[in-house]
Amino acid sequence: MATIDAWLPQAYQLDKQVLTEIYEALSPALYRYAYRLLGNPADAEDVVAETFHRLLLALRHGHGPRRHLSAYLYRIAHNLITDRYRRQPPGEFALDEALEASADEGPEISAPLHLAQEQARAALWKLTPDQRLVITLKYLEGLSNEEVAAALGKPIGAVKSLQHRALGSLRRSLSLEQIEAWL
């Protein structure tokens, strides 16, 4: 991500080519992050669009990040996702939707997998917001402890502590098979 952070001075100048490159480099990972937490492609796309909209507004007013751009964007996305959950908690598992979403696989494969993913998503949402963010960024998006710490605005030691507590909570809530299905 050092290359992306090197683009920040040009991004503050609202250079369209650099902004496009930043979007193309980071939007797929932000989409995966939002989709994993929301479980809905349209909602995930909305979160990504609003995340980059807020970045543009911040850059335009000179209030954007000076480094750790990816962590900055994940934090915006996380806040947007949290706001969505406050307004409307995740719904119940819908068997019909699971079968439609995985039409290529037989229902004996797709429905249990989708159910396991929904259970893992529900367990993730039982964590504190910071624990949830640490687990998602570290294990699902592959960010380093330093990048996760920057996203949370916390020391690395605090990130490691949050990670330890979150993993313990997930182990108590889920079987190993459920965790692996979600990853």
C-alpha atoms as a PDB file:
ATOM      1  CA  MET A   1       0.000   0.000   0.000  1.00  0.00           C
ATOM      2  CA  ALA A   2       3.045   2.277   0.085  1.00  0.00           C
ATOM      3  CA  THR A   3       2.462   3.051  -3.599  1.00  0.00           C
ATOM      4  CA  ILE A   4      -1.081   4.172  -2.874  1.00  0.00           C
ATOM      5  CA  ASP A   5       0.081   6.375  -0.005  1.00  0.00           C
ATOM      6  CA  ALA A   6       2.625   7.914  -2.394  1.00  0.00           C
ATOM      7  CA  TRP A   7      -0.314   9.044  -4.541  1.00  0.00           C
ATOM      8  CA  LEU A   8      -1.867  11.063  -1.715  1.00  0.00           C
ATOM      9  CA  PRO A   9      -0.262  14.424  -2.639  1.00  0.00           C
ATOM     10  CA  GLN A  10      -1.703  14.099  -6.153  1.00  0.00           C
ATOM     11  CA  ALA A  11      -5.028  12.953  -4.724  1.00  0.00           C
ATOM     12  CA  TYR A  12      -5.212  16.184  -2.712  1.00  0.00           C
ATOM     13  CA  GLN A  13      -4.891  17.988  -6.044  1.00  0.00           C
ATOM     14  CA  LEU A  14      -7.916  15.931  -7.185  1.00  0.00           C
ATOM     15  CA  ASP A  15      -5.913  14.403 -10.034  1.00  0.00           C
ATOM     16  CA  LYS A  16      -8.525  12.302 -11.860  1.00  0.00           C
ATOM     17  CA  GLN A  17      -6.062   9.663 -13.045  1.00  0.00           C
ATOM     18  CA  VAL A  18      -4.645   9.132  -9.548  1.00  0.00           C
ATOM     19  CA  LEU A  19      -8.115   9.049  -7.998  1.00  0.00           C
ATOM     20  CA  THR A  20      -9.164   6.475 -10.585  1.00  0.00           C
ATOM     21  CA  GLU A  21      -6.094   4.358  -9.820  1.00  0.00           C
ATOM     22  CA  ILE A  22      -6.800   4.572  -6.092  1.00  0.00           C
ATOM     23  CA  TYR A  23     -10.400   3.515  -6.699  1.00  0.00           C
ATOM     24  CA  GLU A  24      -9.386   0.619  -8.938  1.00  0.00           C
ATOM     25  CA  ALA A  25      -6.749  -0.533  -6.446  1.00  0.00           C
ATOM     26  CA  LEU A  26      -8.864  -0.377  -3.287  1.00  0.00           C
ATOM     27  CA  SER A  27     -12.526  -0.730  -4.259  1.00  0.00           C
ATOM     28  CA  PRO A  28     -12.460  -4.542  -4.780  1.00  0.00           C
ATOM     29  CA  ALA A  29     -11.123  -5.139  -1.256  1.00  0.00           C
ATOM     30  CA  LEU A  30     -13.573  -2.633   0.245  1.00  0.00           C
ATOM     31  CA  TYR A  31     -16.408  -4.349  -1.605  1.00  0.00           C
ATOM     32  CA  ARG A  32     -15.369  -7.768  -0.251  1.00  0.00           C
ATOM     33  CA  TYR A  33     -15.185  -6.290   3.242  1.00  0.00           C
ATOM     34  CA  ALA A  34     -18.636  -4.720   3.009  1.00  0.00           C
ATOM     35  CA  TYR A  35     -20.156  -7.793   1.390  1.00  0.00           C
ATOM     36  CA  ARG A  36     -18.786 -10.109   4.082  1.00  0.00           C
ATOM     37  CA  LEU A  37     -20.374  -7.991   6.762  1.00  0.00           C
ATOM     38  CA  LEU A  38     -23.620  -7.077   5.004  1.00  0.00           C
ATOM     39  CA  GLY A  39     -24.257 -10.172   2.897  1.00  0.00           C
ATOM     40  CA  ASN A  40     -25.939  -8.114   0.175  1.00  0.00           C
ATOM     41  CA  PRO A  41     -24.203  -7.065  -3.073  1.00  0.00           C
ATOM     42  CA  ALA A  42     -26.272  -3.890  -3.538  1.00  0.00           C
ATOM     43  CA  ASP A  43     -25.614  -2.735   0.026  1.00  0.00           C
ATOM     44  CA  ALA A  44     -21.901  -3.488  -0.367  1.00  0.00           C
ATOM     45  CA  GLU A  45     -21.774  -1.424  -3.575  1.00  0.00           C
ATOM     46  CA  ASP A  46     -23.553   1.448  -1.810  1.00  0.00           C
ATOM     47  CA  VAL A  47     -21.009   1.368   1.018  1.00  0.00           C
ATOM     48  CA  VAL A  48     -18.080   1.446  -1.423  1.00  0.00           C
ATOM     49  CA  ALA A  49     -19.608   4.343  -3.370  1.00  0.00           C
ATOM     50  CA  GLU A  50     -20.291   6.345  -0.214  1.00  0.00           C
ATOM     51  CA  THR A  51     -16.810   5.567   1.144  1.00  0.00           C
ATOM     52  CA  PHE A  52     -15.138   7.052  -1.924  1.00  0.00           C
ATOM     53  CA  HIS A  53     -17.586   9.959  -1.950  1.00  0.00           C
ATOM     54  CA  ARG A  54     -16.547  10.803   1.606  1.00  0.00           C
ATOM     55  CA  LEU A  55     -12.880  10.475   0.642  1.00  0.00           C
ATOM     56  CA  LEU A  56     -13.386  12.972  -2.192  1.00  0.00           C
ATOM     57  CA  LEU A  57     -15.141  15.410   0.130  1.00  0.00           C
ATOM     58  CA  ALA A  58     -12.320  15.113   2.665  1.00  0.00           C
ATOM     59  CA  LEU A  59      -9.652  15.622  -0.003  1.00  0.00           C
ATOM     60  CA  ARG A  60     -11.515  18.608  -1.428  1.00  0.00           C
ATOM     61  CA  HIS A  61     -11.525  20.248   2.014  1.00  0.00           C
ATOM     62  CA  GLY A  62      -7.955  19.226   2.878  1.00  0.00           C
ATOM     63  CA  HIS A  63      -9.045  16.886   5.678  1.00  0.00           C
ATOM     64  CA  GLY A  64      -8.142  13.516   4.174  1.00  0.00           C
ATOM     65  CA  PRO A  65      -5.428  11.148   5.358  1.00  0.00           C
ATOM     66  CA  ARG A  66      -1.722  11.919   5.053  1.00  0.00           C
ATOM     67  CA  ARG A  67      -0.812   8.221   5.193  1.00  0.00           C
ATOM     68  CA  HIS A  68      -2.483   4.818   5.605  1.00  0.00           C
ATOM     69  CA  LEU A  69      -5.105   5.573   2.951  1.00  0.00           C
ATOM     70  CA  SER A  70      -6.409   2.002   2.948  1.00  0.00           C
ATOM     71  CA  ALA A  71      -6.911   2.066   6.731  1.00  0.00           C
ATOM     72  CA  TYR A  72      -8.681   5.424   6.412  1.00  0.00           C
ATOM     73  CA  LEU A  73     -11.073   3.992   3.795  1.00  0.00           C
ATOM     74  CA  TYR A  74     -11.740   0.837   5.816  1.00  0.00           C
ATOM     75  CA  ARG A  75     -12.642   2.991   8.805  1.00  0.00           C
ATOM     76  CA  ILE A  76     -15.139   4.988   6.725  1.00  0.00           C
ATOM     77  CA  ALA A  77     -16.631   1.768   5.329  1.00  0.00           C
ATOM     78  CA  HIS A  78     -16.812   0.239   8.801  1.00  0.00           C
ATOM     79  CA  ASN A  79     -18.646   3.287  10.153  1.00  0.00           C
ATOM     80  CA  LEU A  80     -21.111   3.189   7.251  1.00  0.00           C
ATOM     81  CA  ILE A  81     -21.751  -0.526   7.823  1.00  0.00           C
ATOM     82  CA  THR A  82     -22.232   0.045  11.548  1.00  0.00           C
ATOM     83  CA  ASP A  83     -24.724   2.827  10.780  1.00  0.00           C
ATOM     84  CA  ARG A  84     -26.668   0.455   8.504  1.00  0.00           C
ATOM     85  CA  TYR A  85     -26.830  -2.171  11.247  1.00  0.00           C
ATOM     86  CA  ARG A  86     -28.037   0.396  13.751  1.00  0.00           C
ATOM     87  CA  ARG A  87     -30.858   1.390  11.408  1.00  0.00           C
ATOM     88  CA  GLN A  88     -31.746  -2.156  10.369  1.00  0.00           C
ATOM     89  CA  PRO A  89     -30.203  -5.234  12.043  1.00  0.00           C
ATOM     90  CA  PRO A  90     -29.338  -8.196   9.808  1.00  0.00           C
ATOM     91  CA  GLY A  91     -32.343 -10.261   8.811  1.00  0.00           C
ATOM     92  CA  GLU A  92     -32.943 -13.946   9.275  1.00  0.00           C
ATOM     93  CA  PHE A  93     -31.399 -16.516   6.965  1.00  0.00           C
ATOM     94  CA  ALA A  94     -33.571 -16.865   3.856  1.00  0.00           C
ATOM     95  CA  LEU A  95     -33.363 -20.334   2.318  1.00  0.00           C
ATOM     96  CA  ASP A  96     -34.855 -19.192  -1.008  1.00  0.00           C
ATOM     97  CA  GLU A  97     -32.215 -16.465  -1.385  1.00  0.00           C
ATOM     98  CA  ALA A  98     -29.443 -18.941  -0.620  1.00  0.00           C
ATOM     99  CA  LEU A  99     -30.691 -21.313  -3.268  1.00  0.00           C
ATOM    100  CA  GLU A 100     -31.033 -18.541  -5.863  1.00  0.00           C
ATOM    101  CA  ALA A 101     -27.598 -17.107  -5.101  1.00  0.00           C
ATOM    102  CA  SER A 102     -25.914 -20.468  -5.628  1.00  0.00           C
ATOM    103  CA  ALA A 103     -27.913 -21.911  -8.517  1.00  0.00           C
ATOM    104  CA  ASP A 104     -24.780 -23.558  -9.956  1.00  0.00           C
ATOM    105  CA  GLU A 105     -24.353 -25.693  -6.850  1.00  0.00           C
ATOM    106  CA  GLY A 106     -26.937 -28.138  -5.655  1.00  0.00           C
ATOM    107  CA  PRO A 107     -29.118 -27.059  -2.714  1.00  0.00           C
ATOM    108  CA  GLU A 108     -27.496 -29.725  -0.536  1.00  0.00           C
ATOM    109  CA  ILE A 109     -24.209 -27.779  -0.875  1.00  0.00           C
ATOM    110  CA  SER A 110     -25.237 -24.136  -1.207  1.00  0.00           C
ATOM    111  CA  ALA A 111     -27.881 -23.865   1.524  1.00  0.00           C
ATOM    112  CA  PRO A 112     -25.725 -25.300   4.371  1.00  0.00           C
ATOM    113  CA  LEU A 113     -22.753 -23.213   3.237  1.00  0.00           C
ATOM    114  CA  HIS A 114     -24.861 -20.067   3.175  1.00  0.00           C
ATOM    115  CA  LEU A 115     -26.283 -20.925   6.603  1.00  0.00           C
ATOM    116  CA  ALA A 116     -22.758 -21.378   8.001  1.00  0.00           C
ATOM    117  CA  GLN A 117     -21.740 -18.030   6.514  1.00  0.00           C
ATOM    118  CA  GLU A 118     -24.783 -16.350   8.057  1.00  0.00           C
ATOM    119  CA  GLN A 119     -23.998 -17.905  11.451  1.00  0.00           C
ATOM    120  CA  ALA A 120     -20.397 -16.718  11.222  1.00  0.00           C
ATOM    121  CA  ARG A 121     -21.553 -13.243  10.195  1.00  0.00           C
ATOM    122  CA  ALA A 122     -23.943 -13.177  13.172  1.00  0.00           C
ATOM    123  CA  ALA A 123     -21.134 -14.273  15.524  1.00  0.00           C
ATOM    124  CA  LEU A 124     -18.903 -11.550  14.121  1.00  0.00           C
ATOM    125  CA  TRP A 125     -21.585  -8.965  14.862  1.00  0.00           C
ATOM    126  CA  LYS A 126     -21.713 -10.115  18.495  1.00  0.00           C
ATOM    127  CA  LEU A 127     -18.148  -8.850  18.911  1.00  0.00           C
ATOM    128  CA  THR A 128     -17.470  -5.278  19.935  1.00  0.00           C
ATOM    129  CA  PRO A 129     -17.127  -2.909  16.955  1.00  0.00           C
ATOM    130  CA  ASP A 130     -13.350  -2.682  17.413  1.00  0.00           C
ATOM    131  CA  GLN A 131     -12.959  -6.468  17.739  1.00  0.00           C
ATOM    132  CA  ARG A 132     -15.065  -6.972  14.618  1.00  0.00           C
ATOM    133  CA  LEU A 133     -12.981  -4.481  12.680  1.00  0.00           C
ATOM    134  CA  VAL A 134      -9.699  -6.072  13.807  1.00  0.00           C
ATOM    135  CA  ILE A 135     -10.798  -9.584  12.792  1.00  0.00           C
ATOM    136  CA  THR A 136     -12.178  -8.501   9.441  1.00  0.00           C
ATOM    137  CA  LEU A 137      -9.239  -6.318   8.478  1.00  0.00           C
ATOM    138  CA  LYS A 138      -6.538  -8.666   9.757  1.00  0.00           C
ATOM    139  CA  TYR A 139      -7.834 -12.072   8.715  1.00  0.00           C
ATOM    140  CA  LEU A 140     -10.260 -11.428   5.900  1.00  0.00           C
ATOM    141  CA  GLU A 141      -8.603  -8.475   4.187  1.00  0.00           C
ATOM    142  CA  GLY A 142      -4.997  -9.313   5.056  1.00  0.00           C
ATOM    143  CA  LEU A 143      -3.952  -5.969   6.534  1.00  0.00           C
ATOM    144  CA  SER A 144      -0.907  -5.815   8.785  1.00  0.00           C
ATOM    145  CA  ASN A 145      -1.170  -5.033  12.493  1.00  0.00           C
ATOM    146  CA  GLU A 146       0.213  -1.559  11.751  1.00  0.00           C
ATOM    147  CA  GLU A 147      -2.493  -0.882   9.150  1.00  0.00           C
ATOM    148  CA  VAL A 148      -5.198  -2.190  11.470  1.00  0.00           C
ATOM    149  CA  ALA A 149      -3.839   0.006  14.271  1.00  0.00           C
ATOM    150  CA  ALA A 150      -3.966   3.023  11.950  1.00  0.00           C
ATOM    151  CA  ALA A 151      -7.571   2.237  10.977  1.00  0.00           C
ATOM    152  CA  LEU A 152      -8.574   2.062  14.632  1.00  0.00           C
ATOM    153  CA  GLY A 153      -6.341   4.865  15.834  1.00  0.00           C
ATOM    154  CA  LYS A 154      -4.940   2.535  18.516  1.00  0.00           C
ATOM    155  CA  PRO A 155      -1.486   1.213  19.439  1.00  0.00           C
ATOM    156  CA  ILE A 156      -0.430  -2.137  17.975  1.00  0.00           C
ATOM    157  CA  GLY A 157      -0.532  -3.725  21.447  1.00  0.00           C
ATOM    158  CA  ALA A 158      -4.197  -2.771  21.763  1.00  0.00           C
ATOM    159  CA  VAL A 159      -4.886  -4.306  18.346  1.00  0.00           C
ATOM    160  CA  LYS A 160      -3.241  -7.566  19.425  1.00  0.00           C
ATOM    161  CA  SER A 161      -5.300  -7.591  22.616  1.00  0.00           C
ATOM    162  CA  LEU A 162      -8.535  -6.958  20.694  1.00  0.00           C
ATOM    163  CA  GLN A 163      -7.578  -9.732  18.277  1.00  0.00           C
ATOM    164  CA  HIS A 164      -6.936 -12.203  21.107  1.00  0.00           C
ATOM    165  CA  ARG A 165     -10.252 -11.462  22.839  1.00  0.00           C
ATOM    166  CA  ALA A 166     -12.187 -11.572  19.554  1.00  0.00           C
ATOM    167  CA  LEU A 167     -10.726 -14.914  18.506  1.00  0.00           C
ATOM    168  CA  GLY A 168     -11.579 -16.377  21.900  1.00  0.00           C
ATOM    169  CA  SER A 169     -15.142 -15.152  21.592  1.00  0.00           C
ATOM    170  CA  LEU A 170     -15.476 -16.558  18.070  1.00  0.00           C
ATOM    171  CA  ARG A 171     -14.084 -19.922  19.201  1.00  0.00           C
ATOM    172  CA  ARG A 172     -16.730 -20.075  21.911  1.00  0.00           C
ATOM    173  CA  SER A 173     -19.516 -19.105  19.479  1.00  0.00           C
ATOM    174  CA  LEU A 174     -18.656 -21.156  16.418  1.00  0.00           C
ATOM    175  CA  SER A 175     -17.349 -24.549  15.455  1.00  0.00           C
ATOM    176  CA  LEU A 176     -14.135 -24.759  13.431  1.00  0.00           C
ATOM    177  CA  GLU A 177     -16.172 -25.799  10.375  1.00  0.00           C
ATOM    178  CA  GLN A 178     -18.328 -22.680  10.600  1.00  0.00           C
ATOM    179  CA  ILE A 179     -15.291 -20.421  10.861  1.00  0.00           C
ATOM    180  CA  GLU A 180     -13.609 -22.089   7.868  1.00  0.00           C
ATOM    181  CA  ALA A 181     -16.805 -21.841   5.780  1.00  0.00           C
ATOM    182  CA  TRP A 182     -16.915 -18.111   6.354  1.00  0.00           C
ATOM    183  CA  LEU A 183     -13.291 -17.537   5.472  1.00  0.00           C
END
